[in-house]
Amino acid sequence: MKVLRAAPVRRRSRALLSSVLTALMLTTFAVVMSPSPASADEGDLNVVLLWVRCQDQSEPASDEPYVLVNGVQVASATNIDPGDKFYFLGEQNARHTFLAGGYLYVELWEDDGIWGDDHLGTFVVPYYYQGAGEMESYVFGNGEYILRFVVT
């Protein structure tokens, strides 16, 4: 019969120390390599909403679309029919600033008054669109719209 002996304390301590140091090094590496949140030092970006065009309205009568950027209403239009284009103007907060490394969430809604509004669609404007020139996002939900913007 073979007798099993416990490993010497020194060997167990060395193995435990090695495990702890490996875990510490991996954690440090993960923290150093993970992206840091954007800061004002990295520079702000601007998205400028240019226009929205109705391809197909969400109801038989004219649409009354409005736009939310990060949950804040920034523009609205009335009596929009298929083929109509609504140009955003500076006084309607069409320019929005966000930090480099960030995103803007743009939602298009249709105002139905007391009957509840229709969500037409949502899209994301990421920071890496900067410098790509004018871009379009297609919003197909309850109606079809094209929204044109630029990130500077």
N, C-alpha and C. Protein backbone atom coordinates (compact mmCIF):
# COMPACT_ATOMS: atom_id res chain seq x y z
N MET A 1 0.84 -1.16 0.00
CA MET A 1 0.00 0.00 0.00
C MET A 1 0.90 1.24 0.00
N LYS A 2 0.53 2.17 -0.85
CA LYS A 2 1.31 3.38 -1.02
C LYS A 2 0.73 4.48 -0.12
N VAL A 3 1.56 5.18 0.55
CA VAL A 3 1.13 6.25 1.44
C VAL A 3 1.31 7.58 0.70
N LEU A 4 0.22 8.36 0.64
CA LEU A 4 0.30 9.68 0.01
C LEU A 4 0.71 10.70 1.05
N ARG A 5 1.64 11.50 0.72
CA ARG A 5 2.09 12.52 1.65
C ARG A 5 1.66 13.89 1.14
N ALA A 6 1.31 14.72 2.03
CA ALA A 6 0.93 16.08 1.66
C ALA A 6 2.14 16.80 1.10
N ALA A 7 1.88 17.64 0.11
CA ALA A 7 2.97 18.41 -0.48
C ALA A 7 3.54 19.33 0.58
N PRO A 8 4.80 19.54 0.54
CA PRO A 8 5.40 20.45 1.52
C PRO A 8 4.75 21.83 1.43
N VAL A 9 4.75 22.48 2.55
CA VAL A 9 4.13 23.80 2.66
C VAL A 9 4.77 24.76 1.67
N ARG A 10 6.04 24.67 1.47
CA ARG A 10 6.74 25.58 0.58
C ARG A 10 6.22 25.44 -0.85
N ARG A 11 5.99 24.22 -1.33
CA ARG A 11 5.51 24.00 -2.69
C ARG A 11 4.08 24.55 -2.85
N ARG A 12 3.23 24.32 -1.85
CA ARG A 12 1.86 24.83 -1.91
C ARG A 12 1.86 26.36 -1.86
N SER A 13 2.70 26.94 -1.06
CA SER A 13 2.77 28.40 -0.96
C SER A 13 3.24 29.01 -2.27
N ARG A 14 4.23 28.36 -2.88
CA ARG A 14 4.74 28.86 -4.16
C ARG A 14 3.67 28.79 -5.25
N ALA A 15 2.90 27.70 -5.26
CA ALA A 15 1.83 27.56 -6.26
C ALA A 15 0.74 28.61 -6.03
N LEU A 16 0.39 28.85 -4.77
CA LEU A 16 -0.61 29.85 -4.46
C LEU A 16 -0.12 31.25 -4.85
N LEU A 17 1.11 31.56 -4.53
CA LEU A 17 1.68 32.85 -4.89
C LEU A 17 1.72 33.04 -6.40
N SER A 18 2.10 31.99 -7.11
CA SER A 18 2.13 32.05 -8.57
C SER A 18 0.74 32.31 -9.14
N SER A 19 -0.28 31.66 -8.61
CA SER A 19 -1.66 31.86 -9.07
C SER A 19 -2.12 33.29 -8.81
N VAL A 20 -1.83 33.80 -7.63
CA VAL A 20 -2.24 35.15 -7.27
C VAL A 20 -1.55 36.18 -8.17
N LEU A 21 -0.25 36.01 -8.39
CA LEU A 21 0.47 36.94 -9.25
C LEU A 21 -0.03 36.90 -10.69
N THR A 22 -0.33 35.71 -11.19
CA THR A 22 -0.86 35.58 -12.55
C THR A 22 -2.19 36.30 -12.67
N ALA A 23 -3.08 36.09 -11.69
CA ALA A 23 -4.38 36.75 -11.71
C ALA A 23 -4.22 38.26 -11.64
N LEU A 24 -3.30 38.74 -10.82
CA LEU A 24 -3.06 40.17 -10.70
C LEU A 24 -2.53 40.76 -12.00
N MET A 25 -1.62 40.07 -12.65
CA MET A 25 -1.07 40.56 -13.92
C MET A 25 -2.15 40.58 -15.00
N LEU A 26 -2.99 39.55 -15.07
CA LEU A 26 -4.05 39.53 -16.08
C LEU A 26 -5.06 40.64 -15.84
N THR A 27 -5.41 40.88 -14.58
CA THR A 27 -6.35 41.96 -14.26
C THR A 27 -5.77 43.31 -14.63
N THR A 28 -4.50 43.53 -14.29
CA THR A 28 -3.83 44.79 -14.63
C THR A 28 -3.79 44.98 -16.14
N PHE A 29 -3.46 43.94 -16.87
CA PHE A 29 -3.42 44.02 -18.33
C PHE A 29 -4.79 44.35 -18.90
N ALA A 30 -5.84 43.72 -18.36
CA ALA A 30 -7.21 43.97 -18.85
C ALA A 30 -7.62 45.41 -18.60
N VAL A 31 -7.26 45.95 -17.44
CA VAL A 31 -7.63 47.33 -17.12
C VAL A 31 -6.86 48.30 -18.02
N VAL A 32 -5.59 48.05 -18.23
CA VAL A 32 -4.76 48.94 -19.07
C VAL A 32 -5.23 48.90 -20.52
N MET A 33 -5.62 47.75 -21.01
CA MET A 33 -5.98 47.60 -22.42
C MET A 33 -7.44 47.96 -22.71
N SER A 34 -8.29 48.08 -21.70
CA SER A 34 -9.69 48.40 -21.96
C SER A 34 -9.80 49.87 -22.34
N PRO A 35 -10.77 50.18 -23.25
CA PRO A 35 -10.90 51.57 -23.68
C PRO A 35 -11.35 52.45 -22.53
N SER A 36 -10.81 53.63 -22.48
CA SER A 36 -11.20 54.56 -21.44
C SER A 36 -12.38 55.39 -21.93
N PRO A 37 -13.21 55.87 -21.01
CA PRO A 37 -14.32 56.72 -21.43
C PRO A 37 -13.82 57.98 -22.10
N ALA A 38 -14.63 58.51 -22.98
CA ALA A 38 -14.24 59.73 -23.68
C ALA A 38 -14.16 60.89 -22.69
N SER A 39 -13.28 61.79 -22.95
CA SER A 39 -13.18 62.98 -22.12
C SER A 39 -13.19 64.20 -23.03
N ALA A 40 -13.42 65.33 -22.42
CA ALA A 40 -13.48 66.56 -23.21
C ALA A 40 -12.15 66.84 -23.90
N ASP A 41 -11.06 66.31 -23.35
CA ASP A 41 -9.75 66.53 -23.96
C ASP A 41 -9.63 65.90 -25.34
N GLU A 42 -10.41 64.84 -25.58
CA GLU A 42 -10.33 64.15 -26.86
C GLU A 42 -11.01 64.95 -27.97
N GLY A 43 -11.79 65.94 -27.61
CA GLY A 43 -12.44 66.78 -28.60
C GLY A 43 -13.89 66.41 -28.80
N ASP A 44 -14.69 67.41 -28.99
CA ASP A 44 -16.11 67.18 -29.22
C ASP A 44 -16.37 66.99 -30.70
N LEU A 45 -17.42 66.26 -31.00
CA LEU A 45 -17.89 66.08 -32.37
C LEU A 45 -19.26 66.72 -32.49
N ASN A 46 -19.61 67.08 -33.70
CA ASN A 46 -20.93 67.66 -33.95
C ASN A 46 -21.65 66.83 -35.00
N VAL A 47 -22.92 66.59 -34.76
CA VAL A 47 -23.75 66.01 -35.80
C VAL A 47 -24.74 67.11 -36.20
N VAL A 48 -24.86 67.31 -37.48
CA VAL A 48 -25.79 68.31 -37.99
C VAL A 48 -26.85 67.58 -38.80
N LEU A 49 -28.10 67.69 -38.34
CA LEU A 49 -29.22 67.10 -39.06
C LEU A 49 -29.56 68.03 -40.21
N LEU A 50 -29.57 67.51 -41.42
CA LEU A 50 -29.78 68.35 -42.60
C LEU A 50 -31.23 68.36 -43.05
N TRP A 51 -31.81 67.17 -43.28
CA TRP A 51 -33.20 67.11 -43.70
C TRP A 51 -33.76 65.71 -43.47
N VAL A 52 -35.08 65.63 -43.50
CA VAL A 52 -35.79 64.36 -43.44
C VAL A 52 -36.77 64.33 -44.60
N ARG A 53 -36.83 63.20 -45.29
CA ARG A 53 -37.75 63.07 -46.43
C ARG A 53 -38.69 61.90 -46.19
N CYS A 54 -39.96 62.14 -46.45
CA CYS A 54 -40.98 61.11 -46.31
C CYS A 54 -41.03 60.28 -47.60
N GLN A 55 -40.84 58.98 -47.47
CA GLN A 55 -40.97 58.08 -48.60
C GLN A 55 -42.38 57.49 -48.65
N ASP A 56 -42.89 57.17 -47.46
CA ASP A 56 -44.24 56.61 -47.32
C ASP A 56 -44.72 56.98 -45.92
N GLN A 57 -45.87 57.59 -45.84
CA GLN A 57 -46.34 58.05 -44.54
C GLN A 57 -46.94 56.91 -43.72
N SER A 58 -47.08 57.18 -42.43
CA SER A 58 -47.52 56.15 -41.50
C SER A 58 -49.02 56.04 -41.41
N GLU A 59 -49.76 56.94 -42.04
CA GLU A 59 -51.23 56.93 -41.97
C GLU A 59 -51.80 57.58 -43.22
N PRO A 60 -53.09 57.44 -43.45
CA PRO A 60 -53.67 58.01 -44.67
C PRO A 60 -53.55 59.54 -44.77
N ALA A 61 -53.68 60.23 -43.65
CA ALA A 61 -53.54 61.69 -43.66
C ALA A 61 -52.05 62.05 -43.57
N SER A 62 -51.74 63.31 -43.70
CA SER A 62 -50.35 63.77 -43.62
C SER A 62 -49.74 63.40 -42.27
N ASP A 63 -48.40 63.17 -42.28
CA ASP A 63 -47.66 62.88 -41.05
C ASP A 63 -47.20 64.17 -40.39
N GLU A 64 -46.98 64.09 -39.11
CA GLU A 64 -46.40 65.18 -38.32
C GLU A 64 -45.18 64.59 -37.61
N PRO A 65 -44.07 64.39 -38.32
CA PRO A 65 -42.90 63.75 -37.70
C PRO A 65 -42.15 64.70 -36.77
N TYR A 66 -41.51 64.10 -35.78
CA TYR A 66 -40.58 64.85 -34.94
C TYR A 66 -39.39 63.97 -34.62
N VAL A 67 -38.27 64.63 -34.29
CA VAL A 67 -37.00 63.93 -34.09
C VAL A 67 -36.54 64.13 -32.65
N LEU A 68 -36.10 63.02 -32.04
CA LEU A 68 -35.47 63.05 -30.72
C LEU A 68 -34.00 62.69 -30.90
N VAL A 69 -33.12 63.41 -30.22
CA VAL A 69 -31.70 63.06 -30.19
C VAL A 69 -31.35 62.83 -28.72
N ASN A 70 -30.93 61.61 -28.43
CA ASN A 70 -30.65 61.20 -27.04
C ASN A 70 -31.82 61.54 -26.12
N GLY A 71 -33.04 61.31 -26.63
CA GLY A 71 -34.24 61.48 -25.82
C GLY A 71 -34.80 62.88 -25.76
N VAL A 72 -34.16 63.84 -26.41
CA VAL A 72 -34.62 65.23 -26.37
C VAL A 72 -35.18 65.61 -27.74
N GLN A 73 -36.41 66.16 -27.75
CA GLN A 73 -37.00 66.57 -29.02
C GLN A 73 -36.23 67.76 -29.57
N VAL A 74 -35.81 67.65 -30.85
CA VAL A 74 -34.99 68.71 -31.44
C VAL A 74 -35.64 69.37 -32.64
N ALA A 75 -36.61 68.71 -33.24
CA ALA A 75 -37.24 69.30 -34.42
C ALA A 75 -38.56 68.61 -34.68
N SER A 76 -39.46 69.30 -35.35
CA SER A 76 -40.74 68.71 -35.74
C SER A 76 -41.23 69.39 -37.02
N ALA A 77 -42.10 68.69 -37.69
CA ALA A 77 -42.67 69.21 -38.93
C ALA A 77 -44.16 68.84 -38.97
N THR A 78 -44.91 69.55 -39.80
CA THR A 78 -46.33 69.24 -39.94
C THR A 78 -46.68 69.05 -41.41
N ASN A 79 -47.73 68.28 -41.63
CA ASN A 79 -48.28 68.05 -42.97
C ASN A 79 -47.23 67.54 -43.96
N ILE A 80 -46.56 66.46 -43.59
CA ILE A 80 -45.57 65.83 -44.46
C ILE A 80 -46.23 64.68 -45.21
N ASP A 81 -46.08 64.68 -46.52
CA ASP A 81 -46.63 63.64 -47.37
C ASP A 81 -45.50 62.97 -48.15
N PRO A 82 -45.74 61.81 -48.75
CA PRO A 82 -44.68 61.15 -49.52
C PRO A 82 -44.05 62.10 -50.55
N GLY A 83 -42.71 62.11 -50.58
CA GLY A 83 -41.97 62.99 -51.48
C GLY A 83 -41.59 64.31 -50.86
N ASP A 84 -42.22 64.68 -49.74
CA ASP A 84 -41.89 65.94 -49.08
C ASP A 84 -40.58 65.82 -48.33
N LYS A 85 -39.82 66.91 -48.33
CA LYS A 85 -38.54 66.97 -47.62
C LYS A 85 -38.63 68.15 -46.65
N PHE A 86 -38.27 67.89 -45.39
CA PHE A 86 -38.25 68.94 -44.38
C PHE A 86 -36.80 69.24 -44.03
N TYR A 87 -36.39 70.50 -44.24
CA TYR A 87 -35.02 70.92 -43.94
C TYR A 87 -34.94 71.42 -42.50
N PHE A 88 -33.96 70.93 -41.76
CA PHE A 88 -33.74 71.39 -40.39
C PHE A 88 -33.04 72.73 -40.44
N LEU A 89 -33.45 73.62 -39.58
CA LEU A 89 -32.85 74.95 -39.52
C LEU A 89 -32.13 75.11 -38.19
N GLY A 90 -31.15 76.00 -38.14
CA GLY A 90 -30.36 76.21 -36.93
C GLY A 90 -31.20 76.49 -35.70
N GLU A 91 -32.29 77.22 -35.86
CA GLU A 91 -33.11 77.56 -34.70
C GLU A 91 -33.86 76.35 -34.15
N GLN A 92 -33.81 75.23 -34.87
CA GLN A 92 -34.47 74.02 -34.39
C GLN A 92 -33.48 73.04 -33.79
N ASN A 93 -32.36 73.54 -33.30
CA ASN A 93 -31.37 72.71 -32.63
C ASN A 93 -30.89 71.55 -33.49
N ALA A 94 -30.61 71.82 -34.75
CA ALA A 94 -30.20 70.76 -35.67
C ALA A 94 -28.74 70.35 -35.46
N ARG A 95 -27.98 71.11 -34.70
CA ARG A 95 -26.57 70.76 -34.44
C ARG A 95 -26.46 70.25 -33.01
N HIS A 96 -25.81 69.09 -32.86
CA HIS A 96 -25.68 68.48 -31.54
C HIS A 96 -24.24 68.08 -31.32
N THR A 97 -23.73 68.37 -30.13
CA THR A 97 -22.35 68.09 -29.79
C THR A 97 -22.30 66.86 -28.90
N PHE A 98 -21.33 65.98 -29.17
CA PHE A 98 -21.09 64.84 -28.30
C PHE A 98 -19.61 64.54 -28.27
N LEU A 99 -19.18 63.84 -27.23
CA LEU A 99 -17.76 63.58 -27.04
C LEU A 99 -17.24 62.56 -28.03
N ALA A 100 -15.98 62.72 -28.40
CA ALA A 100 -15.32 61.71 -29.23
C ALA A 100 -15.42 60.38 -28.49
N GLY A 101 -15.68 59.33 -29.21
CA GLY A 101 -15.85 58.02 -28.59
C GLY A 101 -17.28 57.76 -28.18
N GLY A 102 -18.16 58.72 -28.42
CA GLY A 102 -19.56 58.58 -28.01
C GLY A 102 -20.49 58.28 -29.16
N TYR A 103 -21.76 58.26 -28.85
CA TYR A 103 -22.80 57.94 -29.82
C TYR A 103 -24.00 58.86 -29.60
N LEU A 104 -24.74 59.10 -30.64
CA LEU A 104 -26.03 59.77 -30.54
C LEU A 104 -27.10 58.79 -30.98
N TYR A 105 -28.19 58.79 -30.26
CA TYR A 105 -29.33 57.94 -30.62
C TYR A 105 -30.42 58.85 -31.19
N VAL A 106 -30.74 58.65 -32.44
CA VAL A 106 -31.71 59.49 -33.14
C VAL A 106 -32.98 58.68 -33.36
N GLU A 107 -34.09 59.23 -32.89
CA GLU A 107 -35.39 58.57 -33.03
C GLU A 107 -36.31 59.45 -33.87
N LEU A 108 -37.11 58.81 -34.71
CA LEU A 108 -38.11 59.53 -35.49
C LEU A 108 -39.48 59.03 -35.04
N TRP A 109 -40.35 59.98 -34.71
CA TRP A 109 -41.70 59.69 -34.23
C TRP A 109 -42.70 60.45 -35.07
N GLU A 110 -43.94 59.99 -35.03
CA GLU A 110 -45.03 60.66 -35.73
C GLU A 110 -46.07 61.03 -34.68
N ASP A 111 -46.40 62.32 -34.62
CA ASP A 111 -47.31 62.85 -33.60
C ASP A 111 -48.76 62.53 -33.98
N ASP A 112 -49.40 61.73 -33.15
CA ASP A 112 -50.81 61.41 -33.35
C ASP A 112 -51.70 62.00 -32.28
N GLY A 113 -51.19 62.99 -31.58
CA GLY A 113 -51.98 63.68 -30.57
C GLY A 113 -52.47 62.75 -29.47
N ILE A 114 -53.75 62.80 -29.20
CA ILE A 114 -54.31 62.03 -28.08
C ILE A 114 -54.33 60.54 -28.34
N TRP A 115 -54.13 60.10 -29.58
CA TRP A 115 -54.17 58.67 -29.90
C TRP A 115 -52.83 57.98 -29.65
N GLY A 116 -51.85 58.71 -29.23
CA GLY A 116 -50.52 58.12 -28.98
C GLY A 116 -49.65 58.23 -30.21
N ASP A 117 -48.38 58.48 -30.00
CA ASP A 117 -47.46 58.69 -31.11
C ASP A 117 -46.95 57.37 -31.66
N ASP A 118 -46.61 57.39 -32.95
CA ASP A 118 -46.07 56.20 -33.62
C ASP A 118 -44.55 56.31 -33.70
N HIS A 119 -43.87 55.26 -33.24
CA HIS A 119 -42.41 55.20 -33.35
C HIS A 119 -42.07 54.77 -34.77
N LEU A 120 -41.43 55.65 -35.53
CA LEU A 120 -41.09 55.35 -36.92
C LEU A 120 -39.76 54.63 -37.05
N GLY A 121 -38.86 54.81 -36.09
CA GLY A 121 -37.58 54.12 -36.14
C GLY A 121 -36.51 54.85 -35.36
N THR A 122 -35.40 54.14 -35.13
CA THR A 122 -34.26 54.66 -34.38
C THR A 122 -32.98 54.27 -35.11
N PHE A 123 -31.99 55.13 -35.07
CA PHE A 123 -30.67 54.76 -35.57
C PHE A 123 -29.62 55.42 -34.70
N VAL A 124 -28.40 54.91 -34.78
CA VAL A 124 -27.28 55.39 -33.96
C VAL A 124 -26.29 56.11 -34.87
N VAL A 125 -25.80 57.25 -34.40
CA VAL A 125 -24.74 57.98 -35.08
C VAL A 125 -23.48 57.81 -34.24
N PRO A 126 -22.54 56.95 -34.67
CA PRO A 126 -21.32 56.74 -33.90
C PRO A 126 -20.25 57.79 -34.19
N TYR A 127 -19.34 57.96 -33.27
CA TYR A 127 -18.27 58.96 -33.37
C TYR A 127 -17.41 58.75 -34.61
N TYR A 128 -17.26 57.50 -35.06
CA TYR A 128 -16.34 57.24 -36.18
C TYR A 128 -16.92 57.64 -37.53
N TYR A 129 -18.11 58.20 -37.56
CA TYR A 129 -18.63 58.78 -38.81
C TYR A 129 -18.02 60.14 -39.09
N GLN A 130 -17.23 60.66 -38.16
CA GLN A 130 -16.64 61.99 -38.33
C GLN A 130 -15.80 62.03 -39.61
N GLY A 131 -16.05 63.07 -40.39
CA GLY A 131 -15.28 63.29 -41.60
C GLY A 131 -15.73 62.45 -42.79
N ALA A 132 -16.78 61.66 -42.64
CA ALA A 132 -17.24 60.80 -43.74
C ALA A 132 -18.11 61.57 -44.74
N GLY A 133 -18.40 62.82 -44.46
CA GLY A 133 -19.26 63.61 -45.34
C GLY A 133 -20.73 63.40 -44.99
N GLU A 134 -21.59 63.85 -45.89
CA GLU A 134 -23.02 63.70 -45.64
C GLU A 134 -23.41 62.23 -45.72
N MET A 135 -24.28 61.84 -44.79
CA MET A 135 -24.72 60.45 -44.73
C MET A 135 -26.23 60.41 -44.60
N GLU A 136 -26.81 59.28 -44.96
CA GLU A 136 -28.26 59.10 -44.83
C GLU A 136 -28.54 57.85 -44.01
N SER A 137 -29.61 57.94 -43.25
CA SER A 137 -30.09 56.77 -42.53
C SER A 137 -31.54 56.56 -42.94
N TYR A 138 -31.87 55.32 -43.20
CA TYR A 138 -33.22 54.96 -43.61
C TYR A 138 -33.98 54.46 -42.41
N VAL A 139 -35.14 55.03 -42.19
CA VAL A 139 -35.97 54.67 -41.05
C VAL A 139 -37.24 54.03 -41.60
N PHE A 140 -37.34 52.72 -41.40
CA PHE A 140 -38.52 51.99 -41.87
C PHE A 140 -39.19 51.36 -40.67
N GLY A 141 -40.32 51.81 -40.38
CA GLY A 141 -41.09 51.25 -39.27
C GLY A 141 -42.54 51.41 -39.66
N ASN A 142 -43.18 52.28 -38.98
CA ASN A 142 -44.56 52.63 -39.28
C ASN A 142 -44.49 53.85 -40.20
N GLY A 143 -44.13 53.64 -41.45
CA GLY A 143 -43.84 54.70 -42.40
C GLY A 143 -42.39 54.54 -42.85
N GLU A 144 -42.01 55.28 -43.88
CA GLU A 144 -40.64 55.19 -44.39
C GLU A 144 -40.08 56.59 -44.57
N TYR A 145 -38.92 56.80 -43.95
CA TYR A 145 -38.28 58.11 -43.98
C TYR A 145 -36.78 57.96 -44.24
N ILE A 146 -36.18 59.01 -44.79
CA ILE A 146 -34.75 59.10 -44.95
C ILE A 146 -34.31 60.35 -44.19
N LEU A 147 -33.30 60.22 -43.34
CA LEU A 147 -32.78 61.35 -42.61
C LEU A 147 -31.32 61.54 -43.01
N ARG A 148 -30.98 62.77 -43.42
CA ARG A 148 -29.62 63.08 -43.90
C ARG A 148 -28.92 63.92 -42.83
N PHE A 149 -27.63 63.61 -42.59
CA PHE A 149 -26.86 64.29 -41.54
C PHE A 149 -25.38 64.25 -41.91
N VAL A 150 -24.59 65.03 -41.15
CA VAL A 150 -23.14 65.03 -41.30
C VAL A 150 -22.52 65.12 -39.92
N VAL A 151 -21.39 64.42 -39.70
CA VAL A 151 -20.67 64.49 -38.43
C VAL A 151 -19.35 65.20 -38.68
N THR A 152 -19.13 66.30 -37.94
CA THR A 152 -17.91 67.10 -38.11
C THR A 152 -17.07 67.10 -36.85
